[in-house]
N, C-alpha and C. Protein backbone atom coordinates (compact mmCIF):
# COMPACT_ATOMS: atom_id res chain seq x y z
N ALA A 1 0.85 -1.18 0.00
CA ALA A 1 0.00 0.00 0.00
C ALA A 1 0.89 1.24 0.00
N ASP A 2 0.39 2.31 -0.55
CA ASP A 2 1.16 3.54 -0.68
C ASP A 2 0.99 4.41 0.57
N TRP A 3 1.81 4.18 1.58
CA TRP A 3 1.75 4.94 2.82
C TRP A 3 2.15 6.40 2.61
N SER A 4 3.18 6.64 1.80
CA SER A 4 3.73 7.99 1.63
C SER A 4 2.92 8.85 0.67
N GLY A 5 2.11 8.25 -0.18
CA GLY A 5 1.32 9.01 -1.15
C GLY A 5 2.10 9.44 -2.37
N ASP A 6 3.25 8.80 -2.62
CA ASP A 6 4.08 9.17 -3.76
C ASP A 6 3.81 8.33 -5.01
N GLY A 7 2.81 7.47 -4.95
CA GLY A 7 2.45 6.66 -6.10
C GLY A 7 3.16 5.32 -6.16
N ARG A 8 4.03 5.03 -5.19
CA ARG A 8 4.75 3.76 -5.16
C ARG A 8 4.37 3.01 -3.88
N ALA A 9 4.24 1.71 -4.01
CA ALA A 9 3.85 0.89 -2.86
C ALA A 9 4.97 0.84 -1.83
N ASP A 10 4.61 1.04 -0.58
CA ASP A 10 5.51 0.89 0.54
C ASP A 10 5.12 -0.41 1.25
N VAL A 11 5.84 -0.76 2.31
CA VAL A 11 5.54 -1.98 3.05
C VAL A 11 5.35 -1.63 4.52
N LEU A 12 4.30 -2.16 5.11
CA LEU A 12 4.06 -2.05 6.55
C LEU A 12 4.03 -3.46 7.12
N GLY A 13 4.54 -3.62 8.32
CA GLY A 13 4.55 -4.93 8.94
C GLY A 13 4.53 -4.84 10.45
N VAL A 14 4.08 -5.90 11.08
CA VAL A 14 4.07 -6.01 12.53
C VAL A 14 5.16 -7.00 12.92
N ASP A 15 6.13 -6.53 13.72
CA ASP A 15 7.22 -7.42 14.12
C ASP A 15 6.83 -8.27 15.34
N GLY A 16 7.74 -9.11 15.79
CA GLY A 16 7.47 -10.03 16.89
C GLY A 16 7.17 -9.35 18.21
N SER A 17 7.53 -8.08 18.34
CA SER A 17 7.24 -7.32 19.56
C SER A 17 5.94 -6.54 19.48
N GLY A 18 5.22 -6.67 18.35
CA GLY A 18 3.96 -5.97 18.18
C GLY A 18 4.09 -4.55 17.67
N ASN A 19 5.29 -4.18 17.20
CA ASN A 19 5.50 -2.84 16.64
C ASN A 19 5.04 -2.81 15.19
N LEU A 20 4.35 -1.74 14.81
CA LEU A 20 3.96 -1.52 13.43
C LEU A 20 5.07 -0.71 12.77
N LEU A 21 5.68 -1.28 11.75
CA LEU A 21 6.83 -0.67 11.09
C LEU A 21 6.49 -0.29 9.66
N TYR A 22 7.01 0.85 9.23
CA TYR A 22 6.82 1.36 7.87
C TYR A 22 8.16 1.34 7.16
N TYR A 23 8.20 0.68 6.00
CA TYR A 23 9.37 0.61 5.15
C TYR A 23 9.05 1.37 3.87
N ALA A 24 9.65 2.53 3.69
CA ALA A 24 9.38 3.36 2.52
C ALA A 24 10.01 2.77 1.27
N HIS A 25 9.31 2.85 0.17
CA HIS A 25 9.86 2.51 -1.15
C HIS A 25 10.78 3.66 -1.53
N ASN A 26 12.06 3.36 -1.77
CA ASN A 26 13.02 4.43 -2.06
C ASN A 26 13.44 4.50 -3.52
N GLY A 27 12.71 3.85 -4.39
CA GLY A 27 13.02 3.88 -5.81
C GLY A 27 13.72 2.61 -6.30
N THR A 28 14.52 2.01 -5.44
CA THR A 28 15.22 0.78 -5.81
C THR A 28 15.01 -0.35 -4.82
N GLY A 29 14.41 -0.05 -3.71
CA GLY A 29 14.18 -1.05 -2.66
C GLY A 29 13.42 -0.42 -1.51
N LEU A 30 13.75 -0.88 -0.32
CA LEU A 30 13.06 -0.37 0.88
C LEU A 30 14.05 0.34 1.78
N SER A 31 13.61 1.45 2.34
CA SER A 31 14.42 2.18 3.32
C SER A 31 14.36 1.48 4.66
N ASN A 32 15.18 1.92 5.60
CA ASN A 32 15.16 1.38 6.95
C ASN A 32 13.77 1.63 7.57
N PRO A 33 13.33 0.73 8.45
CA PRO A 33 11.99 0.86 9.02
C PRO A 33 11.85 2.05 9.96
N VAL A 34 10.63 2.57 10.00
CA VAL A 34 10.24 3.61 10.93
C VAL A 34 9.07 3.05 11.73
N LYS A 35 9.17 3.11 13.04
CA LYS A 35 8.10 2.62 13.91
C LYS A 35 6.97 3.64 13.91
N ILE A 36 5.76 3.18 13.54
CA ILE A 36 4.60 4.08 13.51
C ILE A 36 3.52 3.65 14.49
N GLY A 37 3.76 2.59 15.25
CA GLY A 37 2.79 2.14 16.22
C GLY A 37 3.31 0.99 17.05
N GLN A 38 2.62 0.71 18.13
CA GLN A 38 2.96 -0.41 18.99
C GLN A 38 1.68 -1.03 19.51
N GLY A 39 1.79 -2.25 20.02
CA GLY A 39 0.61 -2.93 20.56
C GLY A 39 -0.19 -3.69 19.53
N TRP A 40 0.39 -3.93 18.37
CA TRP A 40 -0.33 -4.60 17.29
C TRP A 40 -0.21 -6.13 17.34
N GLY A 41 0.54 -6.65 18.30
CA GLY A 41 0.75 -8.09 18.39
C GLY A 41 -0.50 -8.89 18.71
N THR A 42 -1.51 -8.25 19.30
CA THR A 42 -2.73 -8.96 19.66
C THR A 42 -3.78 -8.92 18.55
N PHE A 43 -3.50 -8.20 17.47
CA PHE A 43 -4.45 -8.10 16.37
C PHE A 43 -4.45 -9.39 15.56
N LYS A 44 -5.63 -9.84 15.18
CA LYS A 44 -5.76 -11.06 14.36
C LYS A 44 -5.47 -10.77 12.89
N HIS A 45 -5.89 -9.60 12.41
CA HIS A 45 -5.65 -9.19 11.03
C HIS A 45 -5.23 -7.72 11.03
N VAL A 46 -4.25 -7.38 10.21
CA VAL A 46 -3.82 -6.00 10.02
C VAL A 46 -3.62 -5.79 8.53
N MET A 47 -4.11 -4.66 8.02
CA MET A 47 -3.99 -4.39 6.59
C MET A 47 -3.83 -2.89 6.36
N ALA A 48 -3.18 -2.55 5.27
CA ALA A 48 -3.02 -1.15 4.88
C ALA A 48 -3.72 -0.96 3.54
N ALA A 49 -4.55 0.07 3.48
CA ALA A 49 -5.28 0.41 2.26
C ALA A 49 -5.81 1.83 2.41
N ASP A 50 -6.12 2.46 1.31
CA ASP A 50 -6.59 3.85 1.35
C ASP A 50 -8.08 3.89 1.64
N TRP A 51 -8.43 3.83 2.91
CA TRP A 51 -9.83 3.87 3.34
C TRP A 51 -10.43 5.25 3.10
N SER A 52 -9.66 6.31 3.36
CA SER A 52 -10.17 7.68 3.31
C SER A 52 -10.27 8.25 1.90
N GLY A 53 -9.53 7.67 0.95
CA GLY A 53 -9.55 8.17 -0.42
C GLY A 53 -8.64 9.36 -0.65
N ASP A 54 -7.67 9.59 0.26
CA ASP A 54 -6.77 10.75 0.12
C ASP A 54 -5.47 10.42 -0.60
N GLY A 55 -5.31 9.17 -1.07
CA GLY A 55 -4.11 8.79 -1.80
C GLY A 55 -3.02 8.20 -0.92
N ARG A 56 -3.23 8.16 0.38
CA ARG A 56 -2.26 7.56 1.29
C ARG A 56 -2.93 6.43 2.06
N ALA A 57 -2.17 5.36 2.27
CA ALA A 57 -2.72 4.20 2.96
C ALA A 57 -3.04 4.50 4.41
N ASP A 58 -4.16 4.02 4.84
CA ASP A 58 -4.56 4.01 6.24
C ASP A 58 -4.35 2.58 6.73
N VAL A 59 -4.58 2.34 8.01
CA VAL A 59 -4.42 1.00 8.56
C VAL A 59 -5.75 0.56 9.15
N LEU A 60 -6.13 -0.68 8.84
CA LEU A 60 -7.32 -1.30 9.42
C LEU A 60 -6.86 -2.57 10.11
N GLY A 61 -7.53 -2.92 11.19
CA GLY A 61 -7.16 -4.13 11.90
C GLY A 61 -8.32 -4.72 12.66
N VAL A 62 -8.25 -6.03 12.84
CA VAL A 62 -9.22 -6.74 13.67
C VAL A 62 -8.52 -7.05 14.98
N ASP A 63 -9.03 -6.45 16.07
CA ASP A 63 -8.39 -6.64 17.37
C ASP A 63 -8.80 -7.96 18.00
N GLY A 64 -8.27 -8.25 19.18
CA GLY A 64 -8.53 -9.51 19.87
C GLY A 64 -9.99 -9.72 20.24
N SER A 65 -10.77 -8.65 20.26
CA SER A 65 -12.20 -8.77 20.57
C SER A 65 -13.07 -8.90 19.32
N GLY A 66 -12.44 -8.92 18.14
CA GLY A 66 -13.18 -9.06 16.89
C GLY A 66 -13.70 -7.75 16.33
N ASN A 67 -13.25 -6.62 16.88
CA ASN A 67 -13.65 -5.31 16.35
C ASN A 67 -12.79 -4.95 15.15
N LEU A 68 -13.42 -4.42 14.11
CA LEU A 68 -12.70 -3.90 12.96
C LEU A 68 -12.46 -2.42 13.21
N LEU A 69 -11.18 -2.03 13.30
CA LEU A 69 -10.80 -0.67 13.63
C LEU A 69 -10.10 0.00 12.46
N TYR A 70 -10.39 1.27 12.28
CA TYR A 70 -9.80 2.09 11.23
C TYR A 70 -8.90 3.14 11.87
N TYR A 71 -7.64 3.16 11.44
CA TYR A 71 -6.67 4.14 11.90
C TYR A 71 -6.30 5.02 10.71
N ALA A 72 -6.76 6.25 10.72
CA ALA A 72 -6.49 7.16 9.60
C ALA A 72 -5.03 7.57 9.57
N HIS A 73 -4.49 7.66 8.38
CA HIS A 73 -3.16 8.25 8.16
C HIS A 73 -3.34 9.75 8.34
N ASN A 74 -2.61 10.34 9.29
CA ASN A 74 -2.80 11.77 9.58
C ASN A 74 -1.69 12.66 9.05
N GLY A 75 -0.86 12.12 8.17
CA GLY A 75 0.23 12.90 7.60
C GLY A 75 1.58 12.55 8.18
N THR A 76 1.60 12.21 9.46
CA THR A 76 2.86 11.83 10.11
C THR A 76 2.77 10.48 10.82
N GLY A 77 1.59 9.97 11.00
CA GLY A 77 1.39 8.71 11.70
C GLY A 77 -0.05 8.29 11.63
N LEU A 78 -0.52 7.68 12.68
CA LEU A 78 -1.89 7.18 12.72
C LEU A 78 -2.72 7.94 13.74
N SER A 79 -3.95 8.25 13.37
CA SER A 79 -4.91 8.86 14.29
C SER A 79 -5.48 7.79 15.21
N SER A 80 -6.21 8.20 16.21
CA SER A 80 -6.88 7.27 17.12
C SER A 80 -7.85 6.40 16.34
N PRO A 81 -8.06 5.17 16.79
CA PRO A 81 -8.92 4.26 16.04
C PRO A 81 -10.39 4.64 16.08
N VAL A 82 -11.06 4.28 14.99
CA VAL A 82 -12.51 4.40 14.87
C VAL A 82 -13.04 2.99 14.60
N LYS A 83 -13.98 2.56 15.41
CA LYS A 83 -14.58 1.23 15.22
C LYS A 83 -15.54 1.30 14.05
N ILE A 84 -15.29 0.45 13.04
CA ILE A 84 -16.16 0.42 11.86
C ILE A 84 -16.88 -0.92 11.70
N GLY A 85 -16.68 -1.82 12.66
CA GLY A 85 -17.37 -3.10 12.60
C GLY A 85 -17.05 -3.95 13.81
N HIS A 86 -17.85 -4.99 13.99
CA HIS A 86 -17.62 -5.95 15.07
C HIS A 86 -17.99 -7.34 14.56
N GLY A 87 -17.58 -8.37 15.26
CA GLY A 87 -17.88 -9.73 14.86
C GLY A 87 -16.91 -10.30 13.85
N TRP A 88 -15.75 -9.67 13.68
CA TRP A 88 -14.76 -10.10 12.70
C TRP A 88 -13.78 -11.14 13.25
N GLY A 89 -13.89 -11.48 14.52
CA GLY A 89 -12.95 -12.40 15.14
C GLY A 89 -13.01 -13.81 14.60
N THR A 90 -14.13 -14.22 14.03
CA THR A 90 -14.26 -15.58 13.50
C THR A 90 -13.85 -15.68 12.03
N PHE A 91 -13.53 -14.55 11.40
CA PHE A 91 -13.14 -14.58 9.99
C PHE A 91 -11.75 -15.18 9.84
N LYS A 92 -11.60 -16.06 8.87
CA LYS A 92 -10.30 -16.68 8.60
C LYS A 92 -9.37 -15.70 7.89
N HIS A 93 -9.91 -14.91 6.99
CA HIS A 93 -9.13 -13.91 6.25
C HIS A 93 -9.93 -12.61 6.22
N VAL A 94 -9.22 -11.50 6.35
CA VAL A 94 -9.81 -10.18 6.20
C VAL A 94 -8.79 -9.33 5.46
N PHE A 95 -9.25 -8.62 4.43
CA PHE A 95 -8.34 -7.74 3.71
C PHE A 95 -9.11 -6.56 3.15
N ALA A 96 -8.37 -5.51 2.86
CA ALA A 96 -8.98 -4.28 2.33
C ALA A 96 -8.41 -4.00 0.96
N SER A 97 -9.29 -3.61 0.06
CA SER A 97 -8.92 -3.31 -1.31
C SER A 97 -10.03 -2.48 -1.94
N ASP A 98 -9.67 -1.68 -2.92
CA ASP A 98 -10.68 -0.88 -3.61
C ASP A 98 -11.39 -1.77 -4.63
N PHE A 99 -12.23 -2.65 -4.15
CA PHE A 99 -12.93 -3.61 -4.99
C PHE A 99 -13.91 -2.92 -5.93
N SER A 100 -14.52 -1.83 -5.48
CA SER A 100 -15.53 -1.14 -6.27
C SER A 100 -14.93 -0.17 -7.29
N GLY A 101 -13.67 0.23 -7.09
CA GLY A 101 -13.03 1.17 -8.01
C GLY A 101 -13.38 2.62 -7.77
N ASP A 102 -13.90 2.95 -6.57
CA ASP A 102 -14.30 4.33 -6.29
C ASP A 102 -13.22 5.16 -5.61
N GLY A 103 -12.03 4.58 -5.41
CA GLY A 103 -10.93 5.32 -4.79
C GLY A 103 -10.82 5.13 -3.29
N ARG A 104 -11.73 4.39 -2.69
CA ARG A 104 -11.68 4.11 -1.26
C ARG A 104 -11.76 2.60 -1.02
N ALA A 105 -10.97 2.14 -0.07
CA ALA A 105 -10.90 0.71 0.20
C ALA A 105 -12.23 0.17 0.72
N ASP A 106 -12.57 -0.99 0.23
CA ASP A 106 -13.67 -1.79 0.74
C ASP A 106 -13.04 -2.89 1.59
N VAL A 107 -13.85 -3.67 2.27
CA VAL A 107 -13.32 -4.76 3.08
C VAL A 107 -13.92 -6.07 2.57
N LEU A 108 -13.06 -7.06 2.45
CA LEU A 108 -13.48 -8.40 2.04
C LEU A 108 -13.00 -9.38 3.09
N GLY A 109 -13.73 -10.45 3.26
CA GLY A 109 -13.34 -11.45 4.25
C GLY A 109 -13.89 -12.81 3.93
N VAL A 110 -13.19 -13.80 4.44
CA VAL A 110 -13.63 -15.18 4.35
C VAL A 110 -14.14 -15.57 5.74
N ASP A 111 -15.43 -15.87 5.82
CA ASP A 111 -16.02 -16.20 7.11
C ASP A 111 -15.73 -17.66 7.49
N ALA A 112 -16.20 -18.06 8.67
CA ALA A 112 -15.94 -19.39 9.19
C ALA A 112 -16.51 -20.50 8.31
N SER A 113 -17.51 -20.18 7.49
CA SER A 113 -18.11 -21.16 6.57
C SER A 113 -17.42 -21.21 5.22
N GLY A 114 -16.41 -20.37 5.03
CA GLY A 114 -15.68 -20.36 3.76
C GLY A 114 -16.28 -19.46 2.71
N ASN A 115 -17.25 -18.64 3.09
CA ASN A 115 -17.86 -17.70 2.15
C ASN A 115 -16.96 -16.47 2.00
N LEU A 116 -16.77 -16.01 0.77
CA LEU A 116 -16.05 -14.77 0.50
C LEU A 116 -17.09 -13.66 0.46
N LEU A 117 -16.98 -12.73 1.40
CA LEU A 117 -17.94 -11.65 1.55
C LEU A 117 -17.29 -10.31 1.23
N TYR A 118 -18.04 -9.48 0.53
CA TYR A 118 -17.60 -8.14 0.13
C TYR A 118 -18.45 -7.12 0.87
N TYR A 119 -17.77 -6.26 1.63
CA TYR A 119 -18.43 -5.19 2.38
C TYR A 119 -18.08 -3.87 1.72
N PRO A 120 -18.98 -3.28 0.93
CA PRO A 120 -18.67 -2.02 0.25
C PRO A 120 -18.50 -0.86 1.21
N HIS A 121 -17.53 -0.02 0.92
CA HIS A 121 -17.34 1.24 1.65
C HIS A 121 -18.47 2.16 1.20
N ASN A 122 -19.23 2.71 2.15
CA ASN A 122 -20.39 3.51 1.77
C ASN A 122 -20.19 5.01 2.02
N GLY A 123 -18.96 5.42 2.27
CA GLY A 123 -18.68 6.83 2.51
C GLY A 123 -18.41 7.13 3.97
N THR A 124 -19.07 6.42 4.86
CA THR A 124 -18.85 6.62 6.29
C THR A 124 -18.54 5.32 7.03
N GLY A 125 -18.79 4.22 6.41
CA GLY A 125 -18.58 2.92 7.04
C GLY A 125 -18.74 1.82 6.02
N LEU A 126 -19.24 0.69 6.47
CA LEU A 126 -19.41 -0.46 5.60
C LEU A 126 -20.89 -0.76 5.38
N SER A 127 -21.23 -1.07 4.13
CA SER A 127 -22.58 -1.52 3.81
C SER A 127 -22.71 -3.00 4.14
N SER A 128 -23.91 -3.51 4.05
CA SER A 128 -24.17 -4.93 4.29
C SER A 128 -23.34 -5.78 3.32
N PRO A 129 -22.96 -6.97 3.77
CA PRO A 129 -22.11 -7.80 2.93
C PRO A 129 -22.83 -8.38 1.72
N VAL A 130 -22.04 -8.61 0.69
CA VAL A 130 -22.49 -9.29 -0.52
C VAL A 130 -21.63 -10.54 -0.67
N LYS A 131 -22.27 -11.70 -0.74
CA LYS A 131 -21.53 -12.94 -0.93
C LYS A 131 -21.07 -13.01 -2.38
N ILE A 132 -19.75 -13.08 -2.57
CA ILE A 132 -19.22 -13.14 -3.93
C ILE A 132 -18.50 -14.45 -4.23
N GLY A 133 -18.50 -15.37 -3.27
CA GLY A 133 -17.88 -16.66 -3.52
C GLY A 133 -18.07 -17.59 -2.34
N HIS A 134 -17.77 -18.87 -2.57
CA HIS A 134 -17.82 -19.87 -1.52
C HIS A 134 -16.66 -20.84 -1.75
N GLY A 135 -16.33 -21.62 -0.74
CA GLY A 135 -15.24 -22.57 -0.86
C GLY A 135 -13.87 -21.96 -0.59
N TRP A 136 -13.84 -20.78 0.00
CA TRP A 136 -12.57 -20.08 0.25
C TRP A 136 -11.95 -20.48 1.58
N GLY A 137 -12.62 -21.29 2.36
CA GLY A 137 -12.11 -21.68 3.68
C GLY A 137 -10.85 -22.52 3.65
N THR A 138 -10.59 -23.18 2.54
CA THR A 138 -9.39 -24.03 2.44
C THR A 138 -8.15 -23.25 1.99
N PHE A 139 -8.33 -22.00 1.60
CA PHE A 139 -7.19 -21.20 1.14
C PHE A 139 -6.33 -20.81 2.34
N LYS A 140 -5.03 -20.97 2.21
CA LYS A 140 -4.10 -20.59 3.27
C LYS A 140 -3.97 -19.07 3.37
N HIS A 141 -3.94 -18.39 2.24
CA HIS A 141 -3.84 -16.93 2.19
C HIS A 141 -4.82 -16.41 1.14
N VAL A 142 -5.44 -15.29 1.46
CA VAL A 142 -6.32 -14.60 0.52
C VAL A 142 -6.02 -13.13 0.67
N PHE A 143 -5.70 -12.45 -0.45
CA PHE A 143 -5.41 -11.02 -0.40
C PHE A 143 -5.67 -10.38 -1.73
């Protein structure tokens, strides 16, 4: 996801200590990491995508209680979380992508039954899910 907003994909990751690290794309590879958060070790799913539509990646995550939280990119780091959903703890896979093509990330997930569900971004949150596939429960990774 493009954290810096320069049009090139950067890399974000959670290390073994639960730190959220940002690795900038420097034109030929990745720069040294910059810590942009901590306490992410308890999250079941973490993803970076442009939720706000401003051209820079935000961070979404499913916490240990199954809440889907949105952390806006504020120009220098992450803003306080906003809860945009609950009940995500049983999902095998959760990822964010601009599935609709409107410039803002939507959320997709594989539920406990193996259904692939699409939750459209509706401008302020998520709309009701649309089942777009089944049999996804056996996939090791979905993104």
